[in-house]
Amino acid sequence: MNPDRAPGLGVPTPSQLIAAANGQIESSEGWSVRPLSPDLLEYVDGRAACLVNIGSPTRQAVRPIYASESISELFPHLREHLRLALPYLKGSYVVV
């Protein structure tokens, strides 16, 4: 069993993510998510970074984060990392 993973869940434990006062979320694995504007996030993994668009609120009052637009060989875990960061972002979001 990996001590950095929640038992039986296969996902990092919440203690691995740190939310800063400026809204940035940092992982002990070396990636981070930072809001740049109401419609834009910056995702950094190692030495590479990309911008991720955020859509307008849906009828369910959640804002879609368009991870599929930014997924590439440079960012194979983008969708997973954004989903882990969701609880730390201010507002209601869904990763699409």
C-alpha atoms as a PDB file:
ATOM      1  CA  MET A   1       0.000   0.000   0.000  1.00  0.00           C
ATOM      2  CA  ASN A   2       1.255   3.467  -0.886  1.00  0.00           C
ATOM      3  CA  PRO A   3       1.292   5.679   2.274  1.00  0.00           C
ATOM      4  CA  ASP A   4       0.584   8.763   0.135  1.00  0.00           C
ATOM      5  CA  ARG A   5      -2.726   7.341  -1.060  1.00  0.00           C
ATOM      6  CA  ALA A   6      -6.025   7.064   0.762  1.00  0.00           C
ATOM      7  CA  PRO A   7      -6.632   3.396   1.678  1.00  0.00           C
ATOM      8  CA  GLY A   8      -8.694   1.638  -0.974  1.00  0.00           C
ATOM      9  CA  LEU A   9      -9.266   4.785  -3.011  1.00  0.00           C
ATOM     10  CA  GLY A  10      -6.118   5.112  -5.082  1.00  0.00           C
ATOM     11  CA  VAL A  11      -6.262   8.907  -4.897  1.00  0.00           C
ATOM     12  CA  PRO A  12      -3.924  11.249  -3.012  1.00  0.00           C
ATOM     13  CA  THR A  13      -4.960  12.158   0.491  1.00  0.00           C
ATOM     14  CA  PRO A  14      -6.089  15.764   1.069  1.00  0.00           C
ATOM     15  CA  SER A  15      -2.918  16.466   3.052  1.00  0.00           C
ATOM     16  CA  GLN A  16      -0.949  16.360  -0.218  1.00  0.00           C
ATOM     17  CA  LEU A  17      -2.711  19.472  -1.537  1.00  0.00           C
ATOM     18  CA  ILE A  18      -2.108  22.928  -0.111  1.00  0.00           C
ATOM     19  CA  ALA A  19      -4.362  25.887  -0.869  1.00  0.00           C
ATOM     20  CA  ALA A  20      -2.701  29.301  -0.625  1.00  0.00           C
ATOM     21  CA  ALA A  21      -4.494  32.537   0.233  1.00  0.00           C
ATOM     22  CA  ASN A  22      -4.081  33.750  -3.374  1.00  0.00           C
ATOM     23  CA  GLY A  23      -6.181  30.805  -4.607  1.00  0.00           C
ATOM     24  CA  GLN A  24      -3.257  28.698  -5.832  1.00  0.00           C
ATOM     25  CA  ILE A  25      -3.412  24.962  -5.127  1.00  0.00           C
ATOM     26  CA  GLU A  26      -0.086  23.154  -4.842  1.00  0.00           C
ATOM     27  CA  SER A  27       0.539  19.418  -4.750  1.00  0.00           C
ATOM     28  CA  SER A  28       3.425  17.619  -3.109  1.00  0.00           C
ATOM     29  CA  GLU A  29       3.772  15.806  -6.470  1.00  0.00           C
ATOM     30  CA  GLY A  30       5.006  19.048  -8.083  1.00  0.00           C
ATOM     31  CA  TRP A  31       1.933  20.327  -9.932  1.00  0.00           C
ATOM     32  CA  SER A  32      -0.136  23.418  -9.187  1.00  0.00           C
ATOM     33  CA  VAL A  33      -3.307  25.190 -10.309  1.00  0.00           C
ATOM     34  CA  ARG A  34      -3.686  28.942 -10.081  1.00  0.00           C
ATOM     35  CA  PRO A  35      -6.652  31.134 -11.044  1.00  0.00           C
ATOM     36  CA  LEU A  36      -5.537  33.918 -13.385  1.00  0.00           C
ATOM     37  CA  SER A  37      -8.971  35.425 -13.999  1.00  0.00           C
ATOM     38  CA  PRO A  38     -12.612  34.366 -13.563  1.00  0.00           C
ATOM     39  CA  ASP A  39     -12.379  32.530 -16.909  1.00  0.00           C
ATOM     40  CA  LEU A  40      -8.827  31.162 -16.850  1.00  0.00           C
ATOM     41  CA  LEU A  41      -6.638  28.797 -14.804  1.00  0.00           C
ATOM     42  CA  GLU A  42      -2.921  28.189 -15.081  1.00  0.00           C
ATOM     43  CA  TYR A  43      -1.822  24.561 -14.640  1.00  0.00           C
ATOM     44  CA  VAL A  44       1.874  23.864 -14.017  1.00  0.00           C
ATOM     45  CA  ASP A  45       3.405  20.394 -13.897  1.00  0.00           C
ATOM     46  CA  GLY A  46       7.143  20.419 -13.437  1.00  0.00           C
ATOM     47  CA  ARG A  47       8.640  22.932 -15.860  1.00  0.00           C
ATOM     48  CA  ALA A  48       5.694  22.974 -18.282  1.00  0.00           C
ATOM     49  CA  ALA A  49       2.583  25.145 -17.971  1.00  0.00           C
ATOM     50  CA  CYS A  50      -0.690  25.549 -19.830  1.00  0.00           C
ATOM     51  CA  LEU A  51      -3.802  27.706 -19.651  1.00  0.00           C
ATOM     52  CA  VAL A  52      -7.189  26.107 -19.024  1.00  0.00           C
ATOM     53  CA  ASN A  53     -10.452  27.848 -19.948  1.00  0.00           C
ATOM     54  CA  ILE A  54     -13.420  28.086 -17.603  1.00  0.00           C
ATOM     55  CA  GLY A  55     -16.889  28.360 -19.107  1.00  0.00           C
ATOM     56  CA  SER A  56     -19.975  30.298 -18.049  1.00  0.00           C
ATOM     57  CA  PRO A  57     -22.195  28.830 -15.311  1.00  0.00           C
ATOM     58  CA  THR A  58     -24.637  26.158 -16.474  1.00  0.00           C
ATOM     59  CA  ARG A  59     -28.273  25.876 -15.406  1.00  0.00           C
ATOM     60  CA  GLN A  60     -27.030  23.875 -12.401  1.00  0.00           C
ATOM     61  CA  ALA A  61     -24.877  26.892 -11.406  1.00  0.00           C
ATOM     62  CA  VAL A  62     -21.596  25.055 -11.993  1.00  0.00           C
ATOM     63  CA  ARG A  63     -18.838  26.349 -14.235  1.00  0.00           C
ATOM     64  CA  PRO A  64     -17.209  23.879 -16.628  1.00  0.00           C
ATOM     65  CA  ILE A  65     -13.417  23.664 -16.650  1.00  0.00           C
ATOM     66  CA  TYR A  66     -12.408  22.631 -20.175  1.00  0.00           C
ATOM     67  CA  ALA A  67      -9.559  20.222 -19.437  1.00  0.00           C
ATOM     68  CA  SER A  68      -9.988  18.347 -22.710  1.00  0.00           C
ATOM     69  CA  GLU A  69      -8.837  21.449 -24.632  1.00  0.00           C
ATOM     70  CA  SER A  70      -5.465  21.408 -22.863  1.00  0.00           C
ATOM     71  CA  ILE A  71      -4.706  17.691 -22.488  1.00  0.00           C
ATOM     72  CA  SER A  72      -1.575  16.639 -24.336  1.00  0.00           C
ATOM     73  CA  GLU A  73       1.447  14.405 -23.920  1.00  0.00           C
ATOM     74  CA  LEU A  74       2.932  17.150 -21.727  1.00  0.00           C
ATOM     75  CA  PHE A  75      -0.035  17.049 -19.360  1.00  0.00           C
ATOM     76  CA  PRO A  76      -1.341  13.451 -19.215  1.00  0.00           C
ATOM     77  CA  HIS A  77      -2.735  13.900 -15.680  1.00  0.00           C
ATOM     78  CA  LEU A  78      -4.356  17.293 -16.208  1.00  0.00           C
ATOM     79  CA  ARG A  79      -7.966  16.112 -15.848  1.00  0.00           C
ATOM     80  CA  GLU A  80      -7.190  14.061 -12.723  1.00  0.00           C
ATOM     81  CA  HIS A  81      -5.249  16.912 -11.105  1.00  0.00           C
ATOM     82  CA  LEU A  82      -7.989  19.446 -11.825  1.00  0.00           C
ATOM     83  CA  ARG A  83     -10.579  17.130 -10.277  1.00  0.00           C
ATOM     84  CA  LEU A  84      -8.419  16.827  -7.148  1.00  0.00           C
ATOM     85  CA  ALA A  85      -8.129  20.627  -6.973  1.00  0.00           C
ATOM     86  CA  LEU A  86     -11.897  21.275  -7.331  1.00  0.00           C
ATOM     87  CA  PRO A  87     -12.660  21.304  -3.578  1.00  0.00           C
ATOM     88  CA  TYR A  88     -10.020  24.002  -3.095  1.00  0.00           C
ATOM     89  CA  LEU A  89     -11.313  26.362  -5.808  1.00  0.00           C
ATOM     90  CA  LYS A  90     -13.789  29.051  -4.788  1.00  0.00           C
ATOM     91  CA  GLY A  91     -17.110  28.345  -6.505  1.00  0.00           C
ATOM     92  CA  SER A  92     -18.788  25.358  -8.125  1.00  0.00           C
ATOM     93  CA  TYR A  93     -16.956  23.721 -11.005  1.00  0.00           C
ATOM     94  CA  VAL A  94     -17.003  20.527 -13.047  1.00  0.00           C
ATOM     95  CA  VAL A  95     -14.102  19.236 -15.146  1.00  0.00           C
ATOM     96  CA  VAL A  96     -15.095  18.392 -18.712  1.00  0.00           C
END
